[in-house]
Every structure is written in structure tokens, then in C-alpha cells.
Amino acid sequence: SKAIQDAVTSFINEQRLLHRQTGKKAGVLVMVYDHTIKGLEDDLIE
């Protein structure tokens, strides 16, 4: 429970920071995905 609480807190903080940003920014989005999911790669490219 404590580990999940910490993970959820981290998620909330990251999302709030991202959602409150305005103006010109730079950075990196790093994503891990299962490429065997039908249509996923096409959607990501789109």
C-alpha cells in the first residue's frame, strides 16, 4: 500500500506539472509499449 501510494503521488505530481505548463517548452517523452497490440503502432505514428 505504501509503495502504491508513493507511485500514485509521483504520477499525480508529474501530471499536474505537465498540465500546468504554458509557453514554449522542450523535452523528451519516453514511452514503453507492447507492439503486438493490434493497431497500436499505427495509432502512435498517427
PDB file of all heavy atoms in Angstrom:
ATOM      1  N   SER A   1       0.823  -1.210   0.000  1.00  0.00           N
ATOM      2  CA  SER A   1       0.000   0.000   0.000  1.00  0.00           C
ATOM      3  C   SER A   1       0.859   1.263   0.000  1.00  0.00           C
ATOM      4  O   SER A   1       0.583   2.212  -0.739  1.00  0.00           O
ATOM      5  CB  SER A   1      -0.937   0.031   1.209  1.00  0.00           C
ATOM      6  OG  SER A   1      -1.924  -0.959   1.074  1.00  0.00           O
ATOM      7  N   LYS A   2       1.889   1.291   0.818  1.00  0.00           N
ATOM      8  CA  LYS A   2       2.760   2.467   0.895  1.00  0.00           C
ATOM      9  C   LYS A   2       3.470   2.690  -0.441  1.00  0.00           C
ATOM     10  O   LYS A   2       3.598   3.818  -0.915  1.00  0.00           O
ATOM     11  CB  LYS A   2       3.775   2.310   2.037  1.00  0.00           C
ATOM     12  CG  LYS A   2       4.778   3.435   2.130  1.00  0.00           C
ATOM     13  CD  LYS A   2       4.124   4.786   2.415  1.00  0.00           C
ATOM     14  CE  LYS A   2       5.192   5.841   2.610  1.00  0.00           C
ATOM     15  NZ  LYS A   2       4.839   7.137   2.057  1.00  0.00           N
ATOM     16  N   ALA A   3       3.940   1.618  -1.069  1.00  0.00           N
ATOM     17  CA  ALA A   3       4.611   1.746  -2.364  1.00  0.00           C
ATOM     18  C   ALA A   3       3.643   2.269  -3.418  1.00  0.00           C
ATOM     19  O   ALA A   3       3.993   3.152  -4.222  1.00  0.00           O
ATOM     20  CB  ALA A   3       5.193   0.397  -2.790  1.00  0.00           C
ATOM     21  N   ILE A   4       2.424   1.755  -3.417  1.00  0.00           N
ATOM     22  CA  ILE A   4       1.424   2.218  -4.391  1.00  0.00           C
ATOM     23  C   ILE A   4       1.055   3.669  -4.110  1.00  0.00           C
ATOM     24  O   ILE A   4       0.898   4.468  -5.042  1.00  0.00           O
ATOM     25  CB  ILE A   4       0.195   1.291  -4.388  1.00  0.00           C
ATOM     26  CG1 ILE A   4       0.598  -0.083  -4.935  1.00  0.00           C
ATOM     27  CG2 ILE A   4      -0.947   1.890  -5.194  1.00  0.00           C
ATOM     28  CD1 ILE A   4      -0.458  -1.158  -4.766  1.00  0.00           C
ATOM     29  N   GLN A   5       0.935   4.047  -2.849  1.00  0.00           N
ATOM     30  CA  GLN A   5       0.654   5.455  -2.514  1.00  0.00           C
ATOM     31  C   GLN A   5       1.752   6.365  -3.053  1.00  0.00           C
ATOM     32  O   GLN A   5       1.470   7.418  -3.638  1.00  0.00           O
ATOM     33  CB  GLN A   5       0.521   5.627  -0.997  1.00  0.00           C
ATOM     34  CG  GLN A   5      -0.725   5.030  -0.416  1.00  0.00           C
ATOM     35  CD  GLN A   5      -0.675   4.974   1.106  1.00  0.00           C
ATOM     36  OE1 GLN A   5       0.124   5.657   1.752  1.00  0.00           O
ATOM     37  NE2 GLN A   5      -1.526   4.141   1.687  1.00  0.00           N
ATOM     38  N   ASP A   6       3.019   5.968  -2.885  1.00  0.00           N
ATOM     39  CA  ASP A   6       4.136   6.765  -3.393  1.00  0.00           C
ATOM     40  C   ASP A   6       4.091   6.860  -4.919  1.00  0.00           C
ATOM     41  O   ASP A   6       4.340   7.920  -5.495  1.00  0.00           O
ATOM     42  CB  ASP A   6       5.471   6.178  -2.947  1.00  0.00           C
ATOM     43  CG  ASP A   6       5.759   6.430  -1.474  1.00  0.00           C
ATOM     44  OD1 ASP A   6       4.983   7.169  -0.819  1.00  0.00           O
ATOM     45  OD2 ASP A   6       6.756   5.878  -0.969  1.00  0.00           O
ATOM     46  N   ALA A   7       3.773   5.742  -5.574  1.00  0.00           N
ATOM     47  CA  ALA A   7       3.700   5.735  -7.039  1.00  0.00           C
ATOM     48  C   ALA A   7       2.576   6.637  -7.532  1.00  0.00           C
ATOM     49  O   ALA A   7       2.749   7.394  -8.491  1.00  0.00           O
ATOM     50  CB  ALA A   7       3.510   4.309  -7.547  1.00  0.00           C
ATOM     51  N   VAL A   8       1.433   6.584  -6.876  1.00  0.00           N
ATOM     52  CA  VAL A   8       0.299   7.437  -7.266  1.00  0.00           C
ATOM     53  C   VAL A   8       0.634   8.907  -7.017  1.00  0.00           C
ATOM     54  O   VAL A   8       0.333   9.768  -7.847  1.00  0.00           O
ATOM     55  CB  VAL A   8      -0.992   7.006  -6.526  1.00  0.00           C
ATOM     56  CG1 VAL A   8      -2.096   8.037  -6.714  1.00  0.00           C
ATOM     57  CG2 VAL A   8      -1.439   5.636  -7.013  1.00  0.00           C
ATOM     58  N   THR A   9       1.282   9.200  -5.919  1.00  0.00           N
ATOM     59  CA  THR A   9       1.695  10.584  -5.644  1.00  0.00           C
ATOM     60  C   THR A   9       2.634  11.091  -6.722  1.00  0.00           C
ATOM     61  O   THR A   9       2.489  12.212  -7.217  1.00  0.00           O
ATOM     62  CB  THR A   9       2.366  10.674  -4.259  1.00  0.00           C
ATOM     63  OG1 THR A   9       1.420  10.273  -3.268  1.00  0.00           O
ATOM     64  CG2 THR A   9       2.847  12.080  -3.961  1.00  0.00           C
ATOM     65  N   SER A  10       3.589  10.270  -7.118  1.00  0.00           N
ATOM     66  CA  SER A  10       4.524  10.637  -8.177  1.00  0.00           C
ATOM     67  C   SER A  10       3.787  10.891  -9.490  1.00  0.00           C
ATOM     68  O   SER A  10       4.042  11.867 -10.194  1.00  0.00           O
ATOM     69  CB  SER A  10       5.570   9.537  -8.351  1.00  0.00           C
ATOM     70  OG  SER A  10       6.439   9.855  -9.403  1.00  0.00           O
ATOM     71  N   PHE A  11       2.848  10.021  -9.826  1.00  0.00           N
ATOM     72  CA  PHE A  11       2.049  10.163 -11.038  1.00  0.00           C
ATOM     73  C   PHE A  11       1.257  11.469 -11.018  1.00  0.00           C
ATOM     74  O   PHE A  11       1.251  12.226 -11.991  1.00  0.00           O
ATOM     75  CB  PHE A  11       1.099   8.968 -11.180  1.00  0.00           C
ATOM     76  CG  PHE A  11       0.107   9.104 -12.290  1.00  0.00           C
ATOM     77  CD1 PHE A  11       0.482   8.883 -13.607  1.00  0.00           C
ATOM     78  CD2 PHE A  11      -1.206   9.450 -12.023  1.00  0.00           C
ATOM     79  CE1 PHE A  11      -0.436   9.014 -14.639  1.00  0.00           C
ATOM     80  CE2 PHE A  11      -2.127   9.581 -13.042  1.00  0.00           C
ATOM     81  CZ  PHE A  11      -1.749   9.361 -14.354  1.00  0.00           C
ATOM     82  N   ILE A  12       0.607  11.756  -9.907  1.00  0.00           N
ATOM     83  CA  ILE A  12      -0.192  12.979  -9.782  1.00  0.00           C
ATOM     84  C   ILE A  12       0.702  14.210  -9.936  1.00  0.00           C
ATOM     85  O   ILE A  12       0.370  15.146 -10.659  1.00  0.00           O
ATOM     86  CB  ILE A  12      -0.955  13.010  -8.438  1.00  0.00           C
ATOM     87  CG1 ILE A  12      -2.074  11.968  -8.466  1.00  0.00           C
ATOM     88  CG2 ILE A  12      -1.504  14.401  -8.141  1.00  0.00           C
ATOM     89  CD1 ILE A  12      -2.714  11.712  -7.109  1.00  0.00           C
ATOM     90  N   ASN A  13       1.843  14.218  -9.262  1.00  0.00           N
ATOM     91  CA  ASN A  13       2.755  15.361  -9.351  1.00  0.00           C
ATOM     92  C   ASN A  13       3.246  15.578 -10.772  1.00  0.00           C
ATOM     93  O   ASN A  13       3.293  16.712 -11.262  1.00  0.00           O
ATOM     94  CB  ASN A  13       3.932  15.195  -8.395  1.00  0.00           C
ATOM     95  CG  ASN A  13       3.525  15.346  -6.956  1.00  0.00           C
ATOM     96  OD1 ASN A  13       2.520  15.977  -6.641  1.00  0.00           O
ATOM     97  ND2 ASN A  13       4.293  14.756  -6.066  1.00  0.00           N
ATOM     98  N   GLU A  14       3.626  14.493 -11.467  1.00  0.00           N
ATOM     99  CA  GLU A  14       4.108  14.611 -12.840  1.00  0.00           C
ATOM    100  C   GLU A  14       3.012  15.145 -13.757  1.00  0.00           C
ATOM    101  O   GLU A  14       3.247  16.032 -14.573  1.00  0.00           O
ATOM    102  CB  GLU A  14       4.592  13.249 -13.346  1.00  0.00           C
ATOM    103  CG  GLU A  14       5.112  13.303 -14.764  1.00  0.00           C
ATOM    104  CD  GLU A  14       5.621  11.960 -15.256  1.00  0.00           C
ATOM    105  OE1 GLU A  14       6.073  11.140 -14.434  1.00  0.00           O
ATOM    106  OE2 GLU A  14       5.563  11.743 -16.461  1.00  0.00           O
ATOM    107  N   GLN A  15       1.803  14.622 -13.601  1.00  0.00           N
ATOM    108  CA  GLN A  15       0.702  15.050 -14.463  1.00  0.00           C
ATOM    109  C   GLN A  15       0.312  16.499 -14.187  1.00  0.00           C
ATOM    110  O   GLN A  15       0.051  17.262 -15.116  1.00  0.00           O
ATOM    111  CB  GLN A  15      -0.511  14.127 -14.293  1.00  0.00           C
ATOM    112  CG  GLN A  15      -0.272  12.724 -14.806  1.00  0.00           C
ATOM    113  CD  GLN A  15       0.174  12.701 -16.245  1.00  0.00           C
ATOM    114  OE1 GLN A  15      -0.434  13.309 -17.115  1.00  0.00           O
ATOM    115  NE2 GLN A  15       1.253  11.998 -16.524  1.00  0.00           N
ATOM    116  N   ARG A  16       0.292  16.887 -12.924  1.00  0.00           N
ATOM    117  CA  ARG A  16      -0.045  18.276 -12.595  1.00  0.00           C
ATOM    118  C   ARG A  16       0.991  19.230 -13.169  1.00  0.00           C
ATOM    119  O   ARG A  16       0.649  20.276 -13.701  1.00  0.00           O
ATOM    120  CB  ARG A  16      -0.142  18.456 -11.085  1.00  0.00           C
ATOM    121  CG  ARG A  16      -1.417  17.916 -10.522  1.00  0.00           C
ATOM    122  CD  ARG A  16      -1.527  18.180  -9.043  1.00  0.00           C
ATOM    123  NE  ARG A  16      -2.818  17.731  -8.558  1.00  0.00           N
ATOM    124  CZ  ARG A  16      -3.081  17.496  -7.297  1.00  0.00           C
ATOM    125  NH1 ARG A  16      -2.157  17.672  -6.378  1.00  0.00           N
ATOM    126  NH2 ARG A  16      -4.280  17.094  -6.940  1.00  0.00           N
ATOM    127  N   LEU A  17       2.262  18.864 -13.060  1.00  0.00           N
ATOM    128  CA  LEU A  17       3.317  19.701 -13.610  1.00  0.00           C
ATOM    129  C   LEU A  17       3.152  19.833 -15.123  1.00  0.00           C
ATOM    130  O   LEU A  17       3.188  20.930 -15.670  1.00  0.00           O
ATOM    131  CB  LEU A  17       4.689  19.118 -13.275  1.00  0.00           C
ATOM    132  CG  LEU A  17       5.893  19.899 -13.796  1.00  0.00           C
ATOM    133  CD1 LEU A  17       5.927  21.296 -13.193  1.00  0.00           C
ATOM    134  CD2 LEU A  17       7.174  19.162 -13.488  1.00  0.00           C
ATOM    135  N   LEU A  18       2.926  18.718 -15.797  1.00  0.00           N
ATOM    136  CA  LEU A  18       2.749  18.746 -17.241  1.00  0.00           C
ATOM    137  C   LEU A  18       1.516  19.557 -17.624  1.00  0.00           C
ATOM    138  O   LEU A  18       1.541  20.330 -18.578  1.00  0.00           O
ATOM    139  CB  LEU A  18       2.633  17.311 -17.786  1.00  0.00           C
ATOM    140  CG  LEU A  18       2.462  17.173 -19.300  1.00  0.00           C
ATOM    141  CD1 LEU A  18       3.667  17.754 -20.043  1.00  0.00           C
ATOM    142  CD2 LEU A  18       2.253  15.725 -19.683  1.00  0.00           C
ATOM    143  N   HIS A  19       0.428  19.413 -16.891  1.00  0.00           N
ATOM    144  CA  HIS A  19      -0.822  20.086 -17.244  1.00  0.00           C
ATOM    145  C   HIS A  19      -0.821  21.575 -16.931  1.00  0.00           C
ATOM    146  O   HIS A  19      -1.606  22.316 -17.499  1.00  0.00           O
ATOM    147  CB  HIS A  19      -2.003  19.407 -16.549  1.00  0.00           C
ATOM    148  CG  HIS A  19      -2.355  18.121 -17.193  1.00  0.00           C
ATOM    149  ND1 HIS A  19      -1.672  16.955 -16.937  1.00  0.00           N
ATOM    150  CD2 HIS A  19      -3.286  17.805 -18.122  1.00  0.00           C
ATOM    151  CE1 HIS A  19      -2.182  15.993 -17.664  1.00  0.00           C
ATOM    152  NE2 HIS A  19      -3.148  16.471 -18.385  1.00  0.00           N
ATOM    153  N   ARG A  20       0.055  22.014 -16.068  1.00  0.00           N
ATOM    154  CA  ARG A  20       0.084  23.432 -15.707  1.00  0.00           C
ATOM    155  C   ARG A  20       1.125  24.226 -16.491  1.00  0.00           C
ATOM    156  O   ARG A  20       1.190  25.435 -16.379  1.00  0.00           O
ATOM    157  CB  ARG A  20       0.319  23.575 -14.210  1.00  0.00           C
ATOM    158  CG  ARG A  20      -0.882  23.080 -13.426  1.00  0.00           C
ATOM    159  CD  ARG A  20      -0.685  23.221 -11.942  1.00  0.00           C
ATOM    160  NE  ARG A  20      -1.882  22.721 -11.264  1.00  0.00           N
ATOM    161  CZ  ARG A  20      -1.879  22.151 -10.093  1.00  0.00           C
ATOM    162  NH1 ARG A  20      -0.760  22.002  -9.434  1.00  0.00           N
ATOM    163  NH2 ARG A  20      -2.997  21.725  -9.547  1.00  0.00           N
ATOM    164  N   GLN A  21       1.910  23.537 -17.294  1.00  0.00           N
ATOM    165  CA  GLN A  21       2.945  24.209 -18.074  1.00  0.00           C
ATOM    166  C   GLN A  21       2.290  25.032 -19.188  1.00  0.00           C
ATOM    167  O   GLN A  21       1.313  24.605 -19.791  1.00  0.00           O
ATOM    168  CB  GLN A  21       3.895  23.186 -18.694  1.00  0.00           C
ATOM    169  CG  GLN A  21       4.595  22.328 -17.685  1.00  0.00           C
ATOM    170  CD  GLN A  21       6.065  22.652 -17.558  1.00  0.00           C
ATOM    171  OE1 GLN A  21       6.605  23.447 -18.284  1.00  0.00           O
ATOM    172  NE2 GLN A  21       6.701  22.006 -16.623  1.00  0.00           N
ATOM    173  N   THR A  22       2.863  26.193 -19.469  1.00  0.00           N
ATOM    174  CA  THR A  22       2.412  27.026 -20.582  1.00  0.00           C
ATOM    175  C   THR A  22       3.638  27.584 -21.288  1.00  0.00           C
ATOM    176  O   THR A  22       4.745  27.553 -20.748  1.00  0.00           O
ATOM    177  CB  THR A  22       1.534  28.203 -20.100  1.00  0.00           C
ATOM    178  OG1 THR A  22       2.290  29.005 -19.189  1.00  0.00           O
ATOM    179  CG2 THR A  22       0.254  27.721 -19.432  1.00  0.00           C
ATOM    180  N   GLY A  23       3.439  28.084 -22.494  1.00  0.00           N
ATOM    181  CA  GLY A  23       4.523  28.705 -23.243  1.00  0.00           C
ATOM    182  C   GLY A  23       5.367  27.696 -23.979  1.00  0.00           C
ATOM    183  O   GLY A  23       5.002  26.535 -24.144  1.00  0.00           O
ATOM    184  N   LYS A  24       6.524  28.139 -24.430  1.00  0.00           N
ATOM    185  CA  LYS A  24       7.431  27.300 -25.209  1.00  0.00           C
ATOM    186  C   LYS A  24       8.246  26.408 -24.274  1.00  0.00           C
ATOM    187  O   LYS A  24       8.829  26.879 -23.303  1.00  0.00           O
ATOM    188  CB  LYS A  24       8.372  28.158 -26.057  1.00  0.00           C
ATOM    189  CG  LYS A  24       7.648  28.998 -27.084  1.00  0.00           C
ATOM    190  CD  LYS A  24       6.978  28.120 -28.105  1.00  0.00           C
ATOM    191  CE  LYS A  24       6.266  28.979 -29.140  1.00  0.00           C
ATOM    192  NZ  LYS A  24       5.363  28.211 -29.976  1.00  0.00           N
ATOM    193  N   LYS A  25       8.281  25.127 -24.583  1.00  0.00           N
ATOM    194  CA  LYS A  25       8.976  24.132 -23.774  1.00  0.00           C
ATOM    195  C   LYS A  25       9.764  23.202 -24.681  1.00  0.00           C
ATOM    196  O   LYS A  25       9.546  23.149 -25.888  1.00  0.00           O
ATOM    197  CB  LYS A  25       7.980  23.289 -22.965  1.00  0.00           C
ATOM    198  CG  LYS A  25       7.039  24.091 -22.093  1.00  0.00           C
ATOM    199  CD  LYS A  25       7.759  24.781 -20.979  1.00  0.00           C
ATOM    200  CE  LYS A  25       6.781  25.611 -20.161  1.00  0.00           C
ATOM    201  NZ  LYS A  25       7.440  26.479 -19.249  1.00  0.00           N
ATOM    202  N   ALA A  26      10.659  22.438 -24.076  1.00  0.00           N
ATOM    203  CA  ALA A  26      11.392  21.393 -24.777  1.00  0.00           C
ATOM    204  C   ALA A  26      11.521  20.225 -23.817  1.00  0.00           C
ATOM    205  O   ALA A  26      11.409  20.387 -22.597  1.00  0.00           O
ATOM    206  CB  ALA A  26      12.775  21.887 -25.204  1.00  0.00           C
ATOM    207  N   GLY A  27      11.737  19.058 -24.372  1.00  0.00           N
ATOM    208  CA  GLY A  27      11.897  17.906 -23.501  1.00  0.00           C
ATOM    209  C   GLY A  27      11.832  16.600 -24.253  1.00  0.00           C
ATOM    210  O   GLY A  27      11.977  16.558 -25.474  1.00  0.00           O
ATOM    211  N   VAL A  28      11.582  15.541 -23.487  1.00  0.00           N
ATOM    212  CA  VAL A  28      11.525  14.193 -24.043  1.00  0.00           C
ATOM    213  C   VAL A  28      10.330  13.460 -23.437  1.00  0.00           C
ATOM    214  O   VAL A  28      10.110  13.518 -22.227  1.00  0.00           O
ATOM    215  CB  VAL A  28      12.815  13.408 -23.736  1.00  0.00           C
ATOM    216  CG1 VAL A  28      12.743  11.999 -24.312  1.00  0.00           C
ATOM    217  CG2 VAL A  28      14.035  14.130 -24.264  1.00  0.00           C
ATOM    218  N   LEU A  29       9.595  12.772 -24.288  1.00  0.00           N
ATOM    219  CA  LEU A  29       8.552  11.852 -23.853  1.00  0.00           C
ATOM    220  C   LEU A  29       9.107  10.452 -24.075  1.00  0.00           C
ATOM    221  O   LEU A  29       9.505  10.114 -25.195  1.00  0.00           O
ATOM    222  CB  LEU A  29       7.275  12.043 -24.672  1.00  0.00           C
ATOM    223  CG  LEU A  29       6.698  13.452 -24.724  1.00  0.00           C
ATOM    224  CD1 LEU A  29       5.508  13.493 -25.666  1.00  0.00           C
ATOM    225  CD2 LEU A  29       6.322  13.940 -23.343  1.00  0.00           C
ATOM    226  N   VAL A  30       9.178   9.652 -23.029  1.00  0.00           N
ATOM    227  CA  VAL A  30       9.722   8.305 -23.128  1.00  0.00           C
ATOM    228  C   VAL A  30       8.591   7.320 -22.842  1.00  0.00           C
ATOM    229  O   VAL A  30       7.946   7.407 -21.803  1.00  0.00           O
ATOM    230  CB  VAL A  30      10.889   8.086 -22.139  1.00  0.00           C
ATOM    231  CG1 VAL A  30      11.411   6.658 -22.239  1.00  0.00           C
ATOM    232  CG2 VAL A  30      11.998   9.087 -22.398  1.00  0.00           C
ATOM    233  N   MET A  31       8.388   6.420 -23.784  1.00  0.00           N
ATOM    234  CA  MET A  31       7.244   5.528 -23.716  1.00  0.00           C
ATOM    235  C   MET A  31       7.681   4.084 -23.938  1.00  0.00           C
ATOM    236  O   MET A  31       8.525   3.806 -24.788  1.00  0.00           O
ATOM    237  CB  MET A  31       6.263   5.977 -24.799  1.00  0.00           C
ATOM    238  CG  MET A  31       5.229   5.035 -25.242  1.00  0.00           C
ATOM    239  SD  MET A  31       4.163   5.737 -26.528  1.00  0.00           S
ATOM    240  CE  MET A  31       5.320   6.159 -27.815  1.00  0.00           C
ATOM    241  N   VAL A  32       7.089   3.170 -23.161  1.00  0.00           N
ATOM    242  CA  VAL A  32       7.268   1.736 -23.376  1.00  0.00           C
ATOM    243  C   VAL A  32       5.903   1.185 -23.756  1.00  0.00           C
ATOM    244  O   VAL A  32       4.901   1.488 -23.101  1.00  0.00           O
ATOM    245  CB  VAL A  32       7.793   1.025 -22.105  1.00  0.00           C
ATOM    246  CG1 VAL A  32       7.835  -0.485 -22.305  1.00  0.00           C
ATOM    247  CG2 VAL A  32       9.161   1.561 -21.721  1.00  0.00           C
ATOM    248  N   TYR A  33       5.891   0.399 -24.836  1.00  0.00           N
ATOM    249  CA  TYR A  33       4.609  -0.146 -25.280  1.00  0.00           C
ATOM    250  C   TYR A  33       4.762  -1.555 -25.837  1.00  0.00           C
ATOM    251  O   TYR A  33       5.855  -1.984 -26.184  1.00  0.00           O
ATOM    252  CB  TYR A  33       3.939   0.771 -26.301  1.00  0.00           C
ATOM    253  CG  TYR A  33       4.670   0.914 -27.613  1.00  0.00           C
ATOM    254  CD1 TYR A  33       4.389   0.068 -28.686  1.00  0.00           C
ATOM    255  CD2 TYR A  33       5.623   1.910 -27.793  1.00  0.00           C
ATOM    256  CE1 TYR A  33       5.048   0.211 -29.896  1.00  0.00           C
ATOM    257  CE2 TYR A  33       6.281   2.064 -28.997  1.00  0.00           C
ATOM    258  CZ  TYR A  33       5.983   1.208 -30.045  1.00  0.00           C
ATOM    259  OH  TYR A  33       6.634   1.340 -31.241  1.00  0.00           O
ATOM    260  N   ASP A  34       3.627  -2.241 -25.902  1.00  0.00           N
ATOM    261  CA  ASP A  34       3.551  -3.601 -26.419  1.00  0.00           C
ATOM    262  C   ASP A  34       3.192  -3.525 -27.896  1.00  0.00           C
ATOM    263  O   ASP A  34       2.047  -3.243 -28.245  1.00  0.00           O
ATOM    264  CB  ASP A  34       2.499  -4.390 -25.636  1.00  0.00           C
ATOM    265  CG  ASP A  34       2.341  -5.832 -26.093  1.00  0.00           C
ATOM    266  OD1 ASP A  34       2.832  -6.181 -27.193  1.00  0.00           O
ATOM    267  OD2 ASP A  34       1.712  -6.605 -25.349  1.00  0.00           O
ATOM    268  N   HIS A  35       4.157  -3.761 -28.759  1.00  0.00           N
ATOM    269  CA  HIS A  35       3.911  -3.578 -30.189  1.00  0.00           C
ATOM    270  C   HIS A  35       3.044  -4.688 -30.787  1.00  0.00           C
ATOM    271  O   HIS A  35       2.616  -4.596 -31.937  1.00  0.00           O
ATOM    272  CB  HIS A  35       5.231  -3.448 -30.968  1.00  0.00           C
ATOM    273  CG  HIS A  35       5.916  -4.745 -31.243  1.00  0.00           C
ATOM    274  ND1 HIS A  35       5.675  -5.484 -32.378  1.00  0.00           N
ATOM    275  CD2 HIS A  35       6.810  -5.446 -30.523  1.00  0.00           C
ATOM    276  CE1 HIS A  35       6.419  -6.575 -32.348  1.00  0.00           C
ATOM    277  NE2 HIS A  35       7.112  -6.570 -31.231  1.00  0.00           N
ATOM    278  N   THR A  36       2.717  -5.719 -29.995  1.00  0.00           N
ATOM    279  CA  THR A  36       1.849  -6.778 -30.510  1.00  0.00           C
ATOM    280  C   THR A  36       0.364  -6.419 -30.417  1.00  0.00           C
ATOM    281  O   THR A  36      -0.475  -7.149 -30.952  1.00  0.00           O
ATOM    282  CB  THR A  36       2.095  -8.118 -29.776  1.00  0.00           C
ATOM    283  OG1 THR A  36       1.712  -7.983 -28.402  1.00  0.00           O
ATOM    284  CG2 THR A  36       3.558  -8.544 -29.886  1.00  0.00           C
ATOM    285  N   ILE A  37       0.053  -5.312 -29.758  1.00  0.00           N
ATOM    286  CA  ILE A  37      -1.347  -4.861 -29.674  1.00  0.00           C
ATOM    287  C   ILE A  37      -1.768  -4.345 -31.051  1.00  0.00           C
ATOM    288  O   ILE A  37      -1.161  -3.411 -31.583  1.00  0.00           O
ATOM    289  CB  ILE A  37      -1.529  -3.757 -28.604  1.00  0.00           C
ATOM    290  CG1 ILE A  37      -1.099  -4.254 -27.225  1.00  0.00           C
ATOM    291  CG2 ILE A  37      -2.953  -3.233 -28.597  1.00  0.00           C
ATOM    292  CD1 ILE A  37      -1.931  -5.367 -26.655  1.00  0.00           C
ATOM    293  N   LYS A  38      -2.785  -4.960 -31.610  1.00  0.00           N
ATOM    294  CA  LYS A  38      -3.235  -4.639 -32.966  1.00  0.00           C
ATOM    295  C   LYS A  38      -3.593  -3.156 -33.101  1.00  0.00           C
ATOM    296  O   LYS A  38      -4.370  -2.620 -32.328  1.00  0.00           O
ATOM    297  CB  LYS A  38      -4.440  -5.504 -33.331  1.00  0.00           C
ATOM    298  CG  LYS A  38      -4.889  -5.332 -34.754  1.00  0.00           C
ATOM    299  CD  LYS A  38      -6.014  -6.272 -35.104  1.00  0.00           C
ATOM    300  CE  LYS A  38      -6.484  -5.922 -36.487  1.00  0.00           C
ATOM    301  NZ  LYS A  38      -6.588  -7.002 -37.379  1.00  0.00           N
ATOM    302  N   GLY A  39      -2.978  -2.509 -34.081  1.00  0.00           N
ATOM    303  CA  GLY A  39      -3.277  -1.125 -34.398  1.00  0.00           C
ATOM    304  C   GLY A  39      -2.532  -0.089 -33.569  1.00  0.00           C
ATOM    305  O   GLY A  39      -2.591   1.100 -33.876  1.00  0.00           O
ATOM    306  N   LEU A  40      -1.838  -0.530 -32.524  1.00  0.00           N
ATOM    307  CA  LEU A  40      -1.181   0.428 -31.638  1.00  0.00           C
ATOM    308  C   LEU A  40      -0.099   1.226 -32.352  1.00  0.00           C
ATOM    309  O   LEU A  40      -0.070   2.460 -32.267  1.00  0.00           O
ATOM    310  CB  LEU A  40      -0.596  -0.264 -30.403  1.00  0.00           C
ATOM    311  CG  LEU A  40       0.199   0.628 -29.443  1.00  0.00           C
ATOM    312  CD1 LEU A  40      -0.656   1.788 -28.929  1.00  0.00           C
ATOM    313  CD2 LEU A  40       0.758  -0.183 -28.292  1.00  0.00           C
ATOM    314  N   GLU A  41       0.799   0.552 -33.055  1.00  0.00           N
ATOM    315  CA  GLU A  41       1.887   1.275 -33.730  1.00  0.00           C
ATOM    316  C   GLU A  41       1.338   2.265 -34.754  1.00  0.00           C
ATOM    317  O   GLU A  41       1.841   3.396 -34.855  1.00  0.00           O
ATOM    318  CB  GLU A  41       2.871   0.305 -34.370  1.00  0.00           C
ATOM    319  CG  GLU A  41       3.710  -0.407 -33.340  1.00  0.00           C
ATOM    320  CD  GLU A  41       4.722  -1.355 -33.958  1.00  0.00           C
ATOM    321  OE1 GLU A  41       4.339  -2.188 -34.796  1.00  0.00           O
ATOM    322  OE2 GLU A  41       5.904  -1.242 -33.575  1.00  0.00           O
ATOM    323  N   ASP A  42       0.314   1.871 -35.496  1.00  0.00           N
ATOM    324  CA  ASP A  42      -0.297   2.792 -36.464  1.00  0.00           C
ATOM    325  C   ASP A  42      -0.865   4.020 -35.762  1.00  0.00           C
ATOM    326  O   ASP A  42      -0.707   5.156 -36.236  1.00  0.00           O
ATOM    327  CB  ASP A  42      -1.407   2.091 -37.263  1.00  0.00           C
ATOM    328  CG  ASP A  42      -0.870   1.060 -38.235  1.00  0.00           C
ATOM    329  OD1 ASP A  42       0.326   1.133 -38.600  1.00  0.00           O
ATOM    330  OD2 ASP A  42      -1.650   0.173 -38.624  1.00  0.00           O
ATOM    331  N   ASP A  43      -1.532   3.801 -34.620  1.00  0.00           N
ATOM    332  CA  ASP A  43      -2.093   4.927 -33.865  1.00  0.00           C
ATOM    333  C   ASP A  43      -1.000   5.854 -33.346  1.00  0.00           C
ATOM    334  O   ASP A  43      -1.117   7.080 -33.427  1.00  0.00           O
ATOM    335  CB  ASP A  43      -2.943   4.436 -32.696  1.00  0.00           C
ATOM    336  CG  ASP A  43      -4.274   3.847 -33.145  1.00  0.00           C
ATOM    337  OD1 ASP A  43      -4.638   4.006 -34.326  1.00  0.00           O
ATOM    338  OD2 ASP A  43      -4.943   3.222 -32.294  1.00  0.00           O
ATOM    339  N   LEU A  44       0.087   5.278 -32.821  1.00  0.00           N
ATOM    340  CA  LEU A  44       1.178   6.096 -32.292  1.00  0.00           C
ATOM    341  C   LEU A  44       1.811   6.927 -33.403  1.00  0.00           C
ATOM    342  O   LEU A  44       2.111   8.116 -33.207  1.00  0.00           O
ATOM    343  CB  LEU A  44       2.228   5.222 -31.605  1.00  0.00           C
ATOM    344  CG  LEU A  44       1.756   4.503 -30.334  1.00  0.00           C
ATOM    345  CD1 LEU A  44       2.834   3.565 -29.823  1.00  0.00           C
ATOM    346  CD2 LEU A  44       1.323   5.481 -29.261  1.00  0.00           C
ATOM    347  N   ILE A  45       1.991   6.327 -34.565  1.00  0.00           N
ATOM    348  CA  ILE A  45       2.545   7.077 -35.705  1.00  0.00           C
ATOM    349  C   ILE A  45       1.583   8.183 -36.120  1.00  0.00           C
ATOM    350  O   ILE A  45       2.003   9.314 -36.398  1.00  0.00           O
ATOM    351  CB  ILE A  45       2.855   6.118 -36.875  1.00  0.00           C
ATOM    352  CG1 ILE A  45       4.052   5.241 -36.509  1.00  0.00           C
ATOM    353  CG2 ILE A  45       3.130   6.898 -38.164  1.00  0.00           C
ATOM    354  CD1 ILE A  45       4.292   4.089 -37.468  1.00  0.00           C
ATOM    355  N   GLU A  46       0.299   7.887 -36.134  1.00  0.00           N
ATOM    356  CA  GLU A  46      -0.700   8.906 -36.493  1.00  0.00           C
ATOM    357  C   GLU A  46      -0.665  10.078 -35.506  1.00  0.00           C
ATOM    358  O   GLU A  46      -0.705  11.237 -35.916  1.00  0.00           O
ATOM    359  CB  GLU A  46      -2.096   8.280 -36.522  1.00  0.00           C
ATOM    360  CG  GLU A  46      -3.192   9.230 -36.951  1.00  0.00           C
ATOM    361  CD  GLU A  46      -3.057   9.718 -38.383  1.00  0.00           C
ATOM    362  OE1 GLU A  46      -2.501   8.985 -39.224  1.00  0.00           O
ATOM    363  OE2 GLU A  46      -3.496  10.850 -38.659  1.00  0.00           O
TER     364      GLU A  46
END
